[in-house]
Each structure stands twice: as C-alpha cells, then as structure tokens.
Amino acid sequence: MTSDESSLPEDALKKLVLQGTLPKHIGVIPDGNRRYARKQGLSLLEAYERGVEKGEIFAEWCRKLGVKYLTFYTLSLENLERRSSDEKKLLFSLLKKHFKRLIEDARIYEDHVRVKVIGRISLLPQDLQEVIHHVKEVTASYNRYYLIFLIAYSGRAEIIDAINKLLVNGPKKIDENIFRNYLYMGNIPDPDLIIRTSGEMRISNFLLWYIAYSEFYFVKRYWPEITFKDLLLAIRNYQKRERRFGR
C-alpha cells in the first residue's frame, strides 16, 4: 500500500478495496479496552460497553464489504483464570446483554448470520451458557455470514482438547485433515487476515492451529477507537501482499 492510498478519502479507499480480492475470513484481537478507559477517564464498564458496541459496528462493516467469516477473540482462558471476580462479573454481564441483543437484532436474520461461540464454554456461568446456546440455536440454519466469538478460549487448550478427544475415540493414525475435525472450528476456513489493535504485536494464544499462513495487520488505536478506514487500510494492505503459503 502506498502512502498515497493511505491518504485517500474513505469512499475512494473503499472503492479500491472492493475492486480487489477480499479476505474470506478476518480474525480480530480487539485489544486496549482498559488502556482506553484510563485514557478517556472512563470506568471499566463504560470502556467495555464501548468495545462491545464497536464490535457490533465492526461486524456490520465486514458484512457490508462481503467478508463471510469474522472471528473475535472475546475472552481468553487466561483472562478467565486471572482477572478479578468483579471484572469477570462485569464481563459476563456484558456478554449476556450482548448475546441477548444479537438474538433480537433484525440484521442477524436479514443477513442470515450464523453465530458460533467457541471455547471451554462449560466454565462460564450457567445463565450465560443458556443465552449462548439460544443465540447459536436460532441462527443455526444460516450460512451467508459467520460471526464467531472465542470465549474461555486458548489456542493451546483447543489443541489439548482435540488430542484428548482423539485419545478416547480417534483413529490410530491421523493427518492434518483428520486432526482438524477434532478442533473447535471444524470446516471453517483459516483466517486470511488477523487484525490486532492497541499497537501490541503478539499472537496471545489466538487460533494457533489456524494462523500458520495468515497475514497480520497491527493498528495503533485502542479497540473502541478503530474506524472503518482502519479496516479498509488493513484489507488494502492484505490485498497488496503476495501470499506464498510456505512456497
């Protein structure tokens, strides 16, 4: 991407993006909510609420562009184990509220969005598990777009869980295709593009099996500050790269 392109107006940049090959699957590590709270003088609740709202907006941006699969790293297993009980209660309440909103959001049904929630969901409070089950159930027949949330998730834990399933009922000999069937994501294609906000440049245990050949793009803004133009710049940067897949 040239400096001229990065200075283009949003509409012109969008036109360029739509002329190129779009990533089929975007993974997002929405980092920086707590630092955003400190920067803006907000409570943690207010910052997380803005982060959730930005997630809903970001998902609609992706659908409008035609990105079929969108995965959010919503709550890591490490977060679940290490955050204070008060912060976890706050997060659980927000997630429950968010999933209830999705169930009632007409755009989910109009756009035929299938909602998937992946991770060690049994570790979550029962009332949150029930709402998650409900949103998955009411969207189970859709396949135009996929909105995927990683909750109580760890890339290493996912691989360990797959191995344990294999030890119980798997074949004696496996290859990558067989092993993939025991992972959480099943036949969902690997992410083409990973976007991480807040300026941090690390993977943080995100989709370790699937990102072997993903392209990465790092945004300096905190997650609640990300803009549509940031998304367009990320996709345009992706379009400029030559994907070699190990060749």
C-alpha atoms as a PDB file:
ATOM      1  CA  MET A   1       0.000   0.000   0.000  1.00  0.00           C
ATOM      2  CA  THR A   2       1.406   3.371  -0.980  1.00  0.00           C
ATOM      3  CA  SER A   3       1.338   6.479   1.178  1.00  0.00           C
ATOM      4  CA  ASP A   4      -0.955   7.990  -1.462  1.00  0.00           C
ATOM      5  CA  GLU A   5      -3.525   5.259  -0.826  1.00  0.00           C
ATOM      6  CA  SER A   6      -3.423   5.720   2.946  1.00  0.00           C
ATOM      7  CA  SER A   7      -4.260   9.398   2.487  1.00  0.00           C
ATOM      8  CA  LEU A   8      -7.215   8.707   0.197  1.00  0.00           C
ATOM      9  CA  PRO A   9     -10.717   9.682   1.325  1.00  0.00           C
ATOM     10  CA  GLU A  10     -12.671   6.799   2.820  1.00  0.00           C
ATOM     11  CA  ASP A  11     -15.011   6.417  -0.187  1.00  0.00           C
ATOM     12  CA  ALA A  12     -12.114   6.220  -2.645  1.00  0.00           C
ATOM     13  CA  LEU A  13     -10.317   3.702  -0.461  1.00  0.00           C
ATOM     14  CA  LYS A  14     -13.466   1.594  -0.179  1.00  0.00           C
ATOM     15  CA  LYS A  15     -13.768   1.564  -3.977  1.00  0.00           C
ATOM     16  CA  LEU A  16     -10.197   0.275  -4.269  1.00  0.00           C
ATOM     17  CA  VAL A  17     -10.825  -2.406  -1.635  1.00  0.00           C
ATOM     18  CA  LEU A  18     -13.956  -3.658  -3.400  1.00  0.00           C
ATOM     19  CA  GLN A  19     -12.046  -3.940  -6.667  1.00  0.00           C
ATOM     20  CA  GLY A  20      -9.535  -6.323  -5.083  1.00  0.00           C
ATOM     21  CA  THR A  21      -9.785  -9.794  -3.569  1.00  0.00           C
ATOM     22  CA  LEU A  22     -11.405  -9.637  -0.150  1.00  0.00           C
ATOM     23  CA  PRO A  23     -10.249 -11.844   2.705  1.00  0.00           C
ATOM     24  CA  LYS A  24     -12.795 -14.589   3.228  1.00  0.00           C
ATOM     25  CA  HIS A  25     -12.092 -14.782   6.974  1.00  0.00           C
ATOM     26  CA  ILE A  26     -10.876 -11.987   9.261  1.00  0.00           C
ATOM     27  CA  GLY A  27      -9.763 -12.670  12.827  1.00  0.00           C
ATOM     28  CA  VAL A  28      -9.709  -9.807  15.315  1.00  0.00           C
ATOM     29  CA  ILE A  29      -7.793  -9.386  18.574  1.00  0.00           C
ATOM     30  CA  PRO A  30      -9.648  -6.345  19.975  1.00  0.00           C
ATOM     31  CA  ASP A  31      -7.018  -5.119  22.410  1.00  0.00           C
ATOM     32  CA  GLY A  32      -6.804  -1.989  24.540  1.00  0.00           C
ATOM     33  CA  ASN A  33     -10.161  -1.551  26.298  1.00  0.00           C
ATOM     34  CA  ARG A  34      -8.639  -0.987  29.725  1.00  0.00           C
ATOM     35  CA  ARG A  35      -5.991   1.437  28.446  1.00  0.00           C
ATOM     36  CA  TYR A  36      -8.750   3.250  26.568  1.00  0.00           C
ATOM     37  CA  ALA A  37     -10.643   3.607  29.861  1.00  0.00           C
ATOM     38  CA  ARG A  38      -7.605   5.219  31.503  1.00  0.00           C
ATOM     39  CA  LYS A  39      -7.015   7.487  28.503  1.00  0.00           C
ATOM     40  CA  GLN A  40     -10.615   8.704  28.419  1.00  0.00           C
ATOM     41  CA  GLY A  41     -11.186   8.790  32.182  1.00  0.00           C
ATOM     42  CA  LEU A  42     -13.939   6.181  31.902  1.00  0.00           C
ATOM     43  CA  SER A  43     -14.954   3.374  34.181  1.00  0.00           C
ATOM     44  CA  LEU A  44     -14.024  -0.119  33.063  1.00  0.00           C
ATOM     45  CA  LEU A  45     -17.722  -0.810  32.463  1.00  0.00           C
ATOM     46  CA  GLU A  46     -18.067   2.207  30.168  1.00  0.00           C
ATOM     47  CA  ALA A  47     -14.951   1.234  28.212  1.00  0.00           C
ATOM     48  CA  TYR A  48     -16.059  -2.374  27.782  1.00  0.00           C
ATOM     49  CA  GLU A  49     -19.531  -1.228  26.703  1.00  0.00           C
ATOM     50  CA  ARG A  50     -17.951   0.949  24.017  1.00  0.00           C
ATOM     51  CA  GLY A  51     -15.799  -2.005  22.997  1.00  0.00           C
ATOM     52  CA  VAL A  52     -18.853  -4.257  22.635  1.00  0.00           C
ATOM     53  CA  GLU A  53     -20.686  -1.594  20.629  1.00  0.00           C
ATOM     54  CA  LYS A  54     -17.649  -1.219  18.348  1.00  0.00           C
ATOM     55  CA  GLY A  55     -17.664  -4.987  17.850  1.00  0.00           C
ATOM     56  CA  GLU A  56     -21.255  -4.845  16.599  1.00  0.00           C
ATOM     57  CA  ILE A  57     -20.406  -1.966  14.265  1.00  0.00           C
ATOM     58  CA  PHE A  58     -17.237  -3.678  13.026  1.00  0.00           C
ATOM     59  CA  ALA A  59     -19.171  -6.863  12.241  1.00  0.00           C
ATOM     60  CA  GLU A  60     -21.637  -4.873  10.153  1.00  0.00           C
ATOM     61  CA  TRP A  61     -18.776  -3.167   8.309  1.00  0.00           C
ATOM     62  CA  CYS A  62     -17.367  -6.569   7.410  1.00  0.00           C
ATOM     63  CA  ARG A  63     -20.725  -7.881   6.210  1.00  0.00           C
ATOM     64  CA  LYS A  64     -21.304  -4.792   4.065  1.00  0.00           C
ATOM     65  CA  LEU A  65     -17.930  -5.358   2.415  1.00  0.00           C
ATOM     66  CA  GLY A  66     -18.704  -9.039   1.850  1.00  0.00           C
ATOM     67  CA  VAL A  67     -16.380 -10.711   4.388  1.00  0.00           C
ATOM     68  CA  LYS A  68     -18.064 -14.039   5.106  1.00  0.00           C
ATOM     69  CA  TYR A  69     -16.300 -15.112   8.323  1.00  0.00           C
ATOM     70  CA  LEU A  70     -15.411 -12.844  11.243  1.00  0.00           C
ATOM     71  CA  THR A  71     -13.850 -14.145  14.459  1.00  0.00           C
ATOM     72  CA  PHE A  72     -13.456 -12.078  17.629  1.00  0.00           C
ATOM     73  CA  TYR A  73     -11.078 -13.039  20.447  1.00  0.00           C
ATOM     74  CA  THR A  74     -13.636 -12.112  23.069  1.00  0.00           C
ATOM     75  CA  LEU A  75     -12.390 -13.612  26.346  1.00  0.00           C
ATOM     76  CA  SER A  76      -9.255 -15.706  26.643  1.00  0.00           C
ATOM     77  CA  LEU A  77      -8.925 -18.642  29.006  1.00  0.00           C
ATOM     78  CA  GLU A  78      -6.056 -16.767  30.661  1.00  0.00           C
ATOM     79  CA  ASN A  79      -8.345 -13.764  31.241  1.00  0.00           C
ATOM     80  CA  LEU A  80     -10.927 -16.064  32.773  1.00  0.00           C
ATOM     81  CA  GLU A  81      -8.358 -17.522  35.143  1.00  0.00           C
ATOM     82  CA  ARG A  82      -6.535 -14.310  36.101  1.00  0.00           C
ATOM     83  CA  ARG A  83      -8.996 -11.410  36.125  1.00  0.00           C
ATOM     84  CA  SER A  84     -10.598 -10.393  39.407  1.00  0.00           C
ATOM     85  CA  SER A  85     -14.018 -11.775  40.290  1.00  0.00           C
ATOM     86  CA  ASP A  86     -15.525  -8.272  39.991  1.00  0.00           C
ATOM     87  CA  GLU A  87     -14.143  -7.770  36.483  1.00  0.00           C
ATOM     88  CA  LYS A  88     -15.321 -11.231  35.418  1.00  0.00           C
ATOM     89  CA  LYS A  89     -18.828 -10.497  36.700  1.00  0.00           C
ATOM     90  CA  LEU A  90     -18.799  -7.302  34.662  1.00  0.00           C
ATOM     91  CA  LEU A  91     -17.647  -9.146  31.548  1.00  0.00           C
ATOM     92  CA  PHE A  92     -20.169 -11.943  31.972  1.00  0.00           C
ATOM     93  CA  SER A  93     -22.983  -9.424  32.379  1.00  0.00           C
ATOM     94  CA  LEU A  94     -21.909  -7.544  29.247  1.00  0.00           C
ATOM     95  CA  LEU A  95     -21.608 -10.756  27.220  1.00  0.00           C
ATOM     96  CA  LYS A  96     -25.049 -11.888  28.319  1.00  0.00           C
ATOM     97  CA  LYS A  97     -26.507  -8.489  27.372  1.00  0.00           C
ATOM     98  CA  HIS A  98     -24.681  -8.551  24.014  1.00  0.00           C
ATOM     99  CA  PHE A  99     -25.903 -12.027  23.048  1.00  0.00           C
ATOM    100  CA  LYS A 100     -29.464 -11.106  24.008  1.00  0.00           C
ATOM    101  CA  ARG A 101     -29.148  -8.093  21.708  1.00  0.00           C
ATOM    102  CA  LEU A 102     -27.956 -10.344  18.906  1.00  0.00           C
ATOM    103  CA  ILE A 103     -30.986 -12.585  19.361  1.00  0.00           C
ATOM    104  CA  GLU A 104     -33.230  -9.532  18.957  1.00  0.00           C
ATOM    105  CA  ASP A 105     -31.199  -7.858  16.170  1.00  0.00           C
ATOM    106  CA  ALA A 106     -33.139  -7.929  12.903  1.00  0.00           C
ATOM    107  CA  ARG A 107     -29.904  -7.576  10.915  1.00  0.00           C
ATOM    108  CA  ILE A 108     -28.785 -11.028  12.074  1.00  0.00           C
ATOM    109  CA  TYR A 109     -31.857 -12.578  10.441  1.00  0.00           C
ATOM    110  CA  GLU A 110     -31.918 -10.309   7.395  1.00  0.00           C
ATOM    111  CA  ASP A 111     -28.244 -11.024   6.655  1.00  0.00           C
ATOM    112  CA  HIS A 112     -28.520 -14.741   7.546  1.00  0.00           C
ATOM    113  CA  VAL A 113     -25.701 -14.584  10.095  1.00  0.00           C
ATOM    114  CA  ARG A 114     -24.773 -17.766  11.893  1.00  0.00           C
ATOM    115  CA  VAL A 115     -23.407 -17.077  15.375  1.00  0.00           C
ATOM    116  CA  LYS A 116     -20.881 -19.528  16.775  1.00  0.00           C
ATOM    117  CA  VAL A 117     -19.301 -19.399  20.237  1.00  0.00           C
ATOM    118  CA  ILE A 118     -16.133 -21.423  20.682  1.00  0.00           C
ATOM    119  CA  GLY A 119     -14.055 -22.272  23.745  1.00  0.00           C
ATOM    120  CA  ARG A 120     -14.471 -24.002  27.102  1.00  0.00           C
ATOM    121  CA  ILE A 121     -17.993 -22.679  27.464  1.00  0.00           C
ATOM    122  CA  SER A 122     -18.745 -25.018  30.389  1.00  0.00           C
ATOM    123  CA  LEU A 123     -16.524 -22.770  32.549  1.00  0.00           C
ATOM    124  CA  LEU A 124     -18.952 -19.852  32.158  1.00  0.00           C
ATOM    125  CA  PRO A 125     -21.914 -19.090  34.455  1.00  0.00           C
ATOM    126  CA  GLN A 126     -24.984 -21.169  33.664  1.00  0.00           C
ATOM    127  CA  ASP A 127     -27.179 -18.193  32.724  1.00  0.00           C
ATOM    128  CA  LEU A 128     -24.579 -17.020  30.192  1.00  0.00           C
ATOM    129  CA  GLN A 129     -24.276 -20.541  28.790  1.00  0.00           C
ATOM    130  CA  GLU A 130     -28.036 -20.616  28.254  1.00  0.00           C
ATOM    131  CA  VAL A 131     -28.056 -17.337  26.304  1.00  0.00           C
ATOM    132  CA  ILE A 132     -25.119 -18.548  24.208  1.00  0.00           C
ATOM    133  CA  HIS A 133     -26.963 -21.779  23.442  1.00  0.00           C
ATOM    134  CA  HIS A 134     -30.043 -19.794  22.451  1.00  0.00           C
ATOM    135  CA  VAL A 135     -28.254 -17.472  20.004  1.00  0.00           C
ATOM    136  CA  LYS A 136     -26.463 -20.441  18.432  1.00  0.00           C
ATOM    137  CA  GLU A 137     -29.744 -22.324  18.139  1.00  0.00           C
ATOM    138  CA  VAL A 138     -31.768 -19.534  16.496  1.00  0.00           C
ATOM    139  CA  THR A 139     -29.058 -18.874  13.885  1.00  0.00           C
ATOM    140  CA  ALA A 140     -28.013 -22.490  13.256  1.00  0.00           C
ATOM    141  CA  SER A 141     -29.642 -22.690   9.822  1.00  0.00           C
ATOM    142  CA  TYR A 142     -27.875 -19.611   8.404  1.00  0.00           C
ATOM    143  CA  ASN A 143     -24.697 -19.728   6.323  1.00  0.00           C
ATOM    144  CA  ARG A 144     -24.375 -16.449   4.413  1.00  0.00           C
ATOM    145  CA  TYR A 145     -22.157 -14.921   7.098  1.00  0.00           C
ATOM    146  CA  TYR A 146     -20.494 -16.342  10.212  1.00  0.00           C
ATOM    147  CA  LEU A 147     -19.908 -14.351  13.390  1.00  0.00           C
ATOM    148  CA  ILE A 148     -17.607 -16.310  15.691  1.00  0.00           C
ATOM    149  CA  PHE A 149     -16.762 -15.486  19.303  1.00  0.00           C
ATOM    150  CA  LEU A 150     -13.866 -17.097  21.152  1.00  0.00           C
ATOM    151  CA  ILE A 151     -14.809 -17.202  24.833  1.00  0.00           C
ATOM    152  CA  ALA A 152     -12.883 -19.006  27.581  1.00  0.00           C
ATOM    153  CA  TYR A 153     -10.581 -19.763  24.671  1.00  0.00           C
ATOM    154  CA  SER A 154      -6.907 -20.615  24.354  1.00  0.00           C
ATOM    155  CA  GLY A 155      -5.172 -21.876  21.234  1.00  0.00           C
ATOM    156  CA  ARG A 156      -3.125 -24.346  23.258  1.00  0.00           C
ATOM    157  CA  ALA A 157      -6.182 -25.524  25.202  1.00  0.00           C
ATOM    158  CA  GLU A 158      -8.014 -26.152  21.922  1.00  0.00           C
ATOM    159  CA  ILE A 159      -5.196 -28.405  20.697  1.00  0.00           C
ATOM    160  CA  ILE A 160      -5.092 -30.241  24.041  1.00  0.00           C
ATOM    161  CA  ASP A 161      -8.869 -30.764  23.921  1.00  0.00           C
ATOM    162  CA  ALA A 162      -8.565 -32.165  20.385  1.00  0.00           C
ATOM    163  CA  ILE A 163      -5.827 -34.582  21.479  1.00  0.00           C
ATOM    164  CA  ASN A 164      -7.930 -35.784  24.417  1.00  0.00           C
ATOM    165  CA  LYS A 165     -10.846 -36.480  22.065  1.00  0.00           C
ATOM    166  CA  LEU A 166      -8.522 -38.421  19.785  1.00  0.00           C
ATOM    167  CA  LEU A 167      -7.229 -40.498  22.706  1.00  0.00           C
ATOM    168  CA  VAL A 168     -10.795 -41.516  23.553  1.00  0.00           C
ATOM    169  CA  ASN A 169     -12.245 -42.364  20.148  1.00  0.00           C
ATOM    170  CA  GLY A 170      -9.839 -41.319  17.412  1.00  0.00           C
ATOM    171  CA  PRO A 171      -8.121 -43.391  14.739  1.00  0.00           C
ATOM    172  CA  LYS A 172      -4.672 -44.828  15.387  1.00  0.00           C
ATOM    173  CA  LYS A 173      -3.164 -42.850  12.530  1.00  0.00           C
ATOM    174  CA  ILE A 174      -4.020 -39.222  11.791  1.00  0.00           C
ATOM    175  CA  ASP A 175      -3.117 -36.474   9.354  1.00  0.00           C
ATOM    176  CA  GLU A 176      -3.877 -32.739   9.377  1.00  0.00           C
ATOM    177  CA  ASN A 177      -7.324 -33.188   7.835  1.00  0.00           C
ATOM    178  CA  ILE A 178      -8.377 -35.795  10.396  1.00  0.00           C
ATOM    179  CA  PHE A 179      -6.958 -33.762  13.282  1.00  0.00           C
ATOM    180  CA  ARG A 180      -8.829 -30.674  12.149  1.00  0.00           C
ATOM    181  CA  ASN A 181     -12.137 -32.479  12.649  1.00  0.00           C
ATOM    182  CA  TYR A 182     -11.386 -32.632  16.374  1.00  0.00           C
ATOM    183  CA  LEU A 183     -10.689 -28.901  16.675  1.00  0.00           C
ATOM    184  CA  TYR A 184     -13.323 -26.330  17.642  1.00  0.00           C
ATOM    185  CA  MET A 185     -13.620 -24.591  14.251  1.00  0.00           C
ATOM    186  CA  GLY A 186     -14.306 -27.678  12.153  1.00  0.00           C
ATOM    187  CA  ASN A 187     -14.573 -26.816   8.454  1.00  0.00           C
ATOM    188  CA  ILE A 188     -14.444 -23.025   8.869  1.00  0.00           C
ATOM    189  CA  PRO A 189     -11.581 -21.795   6.659  1.00  0.00           C
ATOM    190  CA  ASP A 190      -8.388 -20.493   8.233  1.00  0.00           C
ATOM    191  CA  PRO A 191      -8.247 -16.722   8.754  1.00  0.00           C
ATOM    192  CA  ASP A 192      -6.732 -14.852   5.828  1.00  0.00           C
ATOM    193  CA  LEU A 193      -6.151 -11.672   7.805  1.00  0.00           C
ATOM    194  CA  ILE A 194      -5.597 -11.059  11.521  1.00  0.00           C
ATOM    195  CA  ILE A 195      -6.123  -7.530  12.853  1.00  0.00           C
ATOM    196  CA  ARG A 196      -4.853  -6.575  16.302  1.00  0.00           C
ATOM    197  CA  THR A 197      -5.485  -3.177  17.841  1.00  0.00           C
ATOM    198  CA  SER A 198      -3.660  -1.098  20.501  1.00  0.00           C
ATOM    199  CA  GLY A 199      -0.212  -1.352  18.913  1.00  0.00           C
ATOM    200  CA  GLU A 200       0.719  -4.648  20.585  1.00  0.00           C
ATOM    201  CA  MET A 201       2.448  -7.074  18.214  1.00  0.00           C
ATOM    202  CA  ARG A 202       1.900 -10.577  19.545  1.00  0.00           C
ATOM    203  CA  ILE A 203      -0.430 -13.540  18.993  1.00  0.00           C
ATOM    204  CA  SER A 204      -1.619 -14.059  22.607  1.00  0.00           C
ATOM    205  CA  ASN A 205      -2.613 -17.709  22.099  1.00  0.00           C
ATOM    206  CA  PHE A 206      -5.046 -16.825  19.311  1.00  0.00           C
ATOM    207  CA  LEU A 207      -6.144 -19.607  16.920  1.00  0.00           C
ATOM    208  CA  LEU A 208      -2.696 -21.212  16.971  1.00  0.00           C
ATOM    209  CA  TRP A 209      -3.558 -24.110  14.665  1.00  0.00           C
ATOM    210  CA  TYR A 210      -5.258 -21.955  12.051  1.00  0.00           C
ATOM    211  CA  ILE A 211      -2.984 -18.945  11.576  1.00  0.00           C
ATOM    212  CA  ALA A 212       0.042 -20.694  10.069  1.00  0.00           C
ATOM    213  CA  TYR A 213      -0.332 -18.687   6.841  1.00  0.00           C
ATOM    214  CA  SER A 214      -2.484 -15.761   7.966  1.00  0.00           C
ATOM    215  CA  GLU A 215      -1.449 -12.195   7.197  1.00  0.00           C
ATOM    216  CA  PHE A 216      -1.158  -9.841  10.178  1.00  0.00           C
ATOM    217  CA  TYR A 217      -2.031  -6.163  10.446  1.00  0.00           C
ATOM    218  CA  PHE A 218      -1.476  -4.087  13.586  1.00  0.00           C
ATOM    219  CA  VAL A 219      -3.443  -0.934  14.372  1.00  0.00           C
ATOM    220  CA  LYS A 220      -2.124   1.534  16.957  1.00  0.00           C
ATOM    221  CA  ARG A 221      -5.577   2.662  18.068  1.00  0.00           C
ATOM    222  CA  TYR A 222      -7.273   1.086  21.073  1.00  0.00           C
ATOM    223  CA  TRP A 223     -10.159  -1.182  20.094  1.00  0.00           C
ATOM    224  CA  PRO A 224     -13.041   1.250  20.847  1.00  0.00           C
ATOM    225  CA  GLU A 225     -11.281   3.848  18.644  1.00  0.00           C
ATOM    226  CA  ILE A 226     -10.943   1.716  15.493  1.00  0.00           C
ATOM    227  CA  THR A 227     -12.573   3.222  12.414  1.00  0.00           C
ATOM    228  CA  PHE A 228     -13.997   1.955   9.138  1.00  0.00           C
ATOM    229  CA  LYS A 229     -10.985   3.478   7.410  1.00  0.00           C
ATOM    230  CA  ASP A 230      -8.686   1.407   9.641  1.00  0.00           C
ATOM    231  CA  LEU A 231     -10.497  -1.713   8.424  1.00  0.00           C
ATOM    232  CA  LEU A 232     -10.217  -0.599   4.807  1.00  0.00           C
ATOM    233  CA  LEU A 233      -6.482   0.099   5.238  1.00  0.00           C
ATOM    234  CA  ALA A 234      -5.998  -3.357   6.791  1.00  0.00           C
ATOM    235  CA  ILE A 235      -7.754  -5.068   3.885  1.00  0.00           C
ATOM    236  CA  ARG A 236      -5.948  -2.946   1.316  1.00  0.00           C
ATOM    237  CA  ASN A 237      -2.629  -3.837   2.954  1.00  0.00           C
ATOM    238  CA  TYR A 238      -3.634  -7.511   2.766  1.00  0.00           C
ATOM    239  CA  GLN A 239      -4.500  -7.146  -0.923  1.00  0.00           C
ATOM    240  CA  LYS A 240      -1.025  -5.788  -1.652  1.00  0.00           C
ATOM    241  CA  ARG A 241       0.757  -8.801  -0.191  1.00  0.00           C
ATOM    242  CA  GLU A 242       1.853 -11.893  -2.055  1.00  0.00           C
ATOM    243  CA  ARG A 243       0.577 -14.924  -0.154  1.00  0.00           C
ATOM    244  CA  ARG A 244       3.058 -17.780  -0.543  1.00  0.00           C
ATOM    245  CA  PHE A 245       1.589 -20.420   1.831  1.00  0.00           C
ATOM    246  CA  GLY A 246       5.080 -21.733   2.569  1.00  0.00           C
ATOM    247  CA  ARG A 247       6.171 -21.884  -1.082  1.00  0.00           C
END
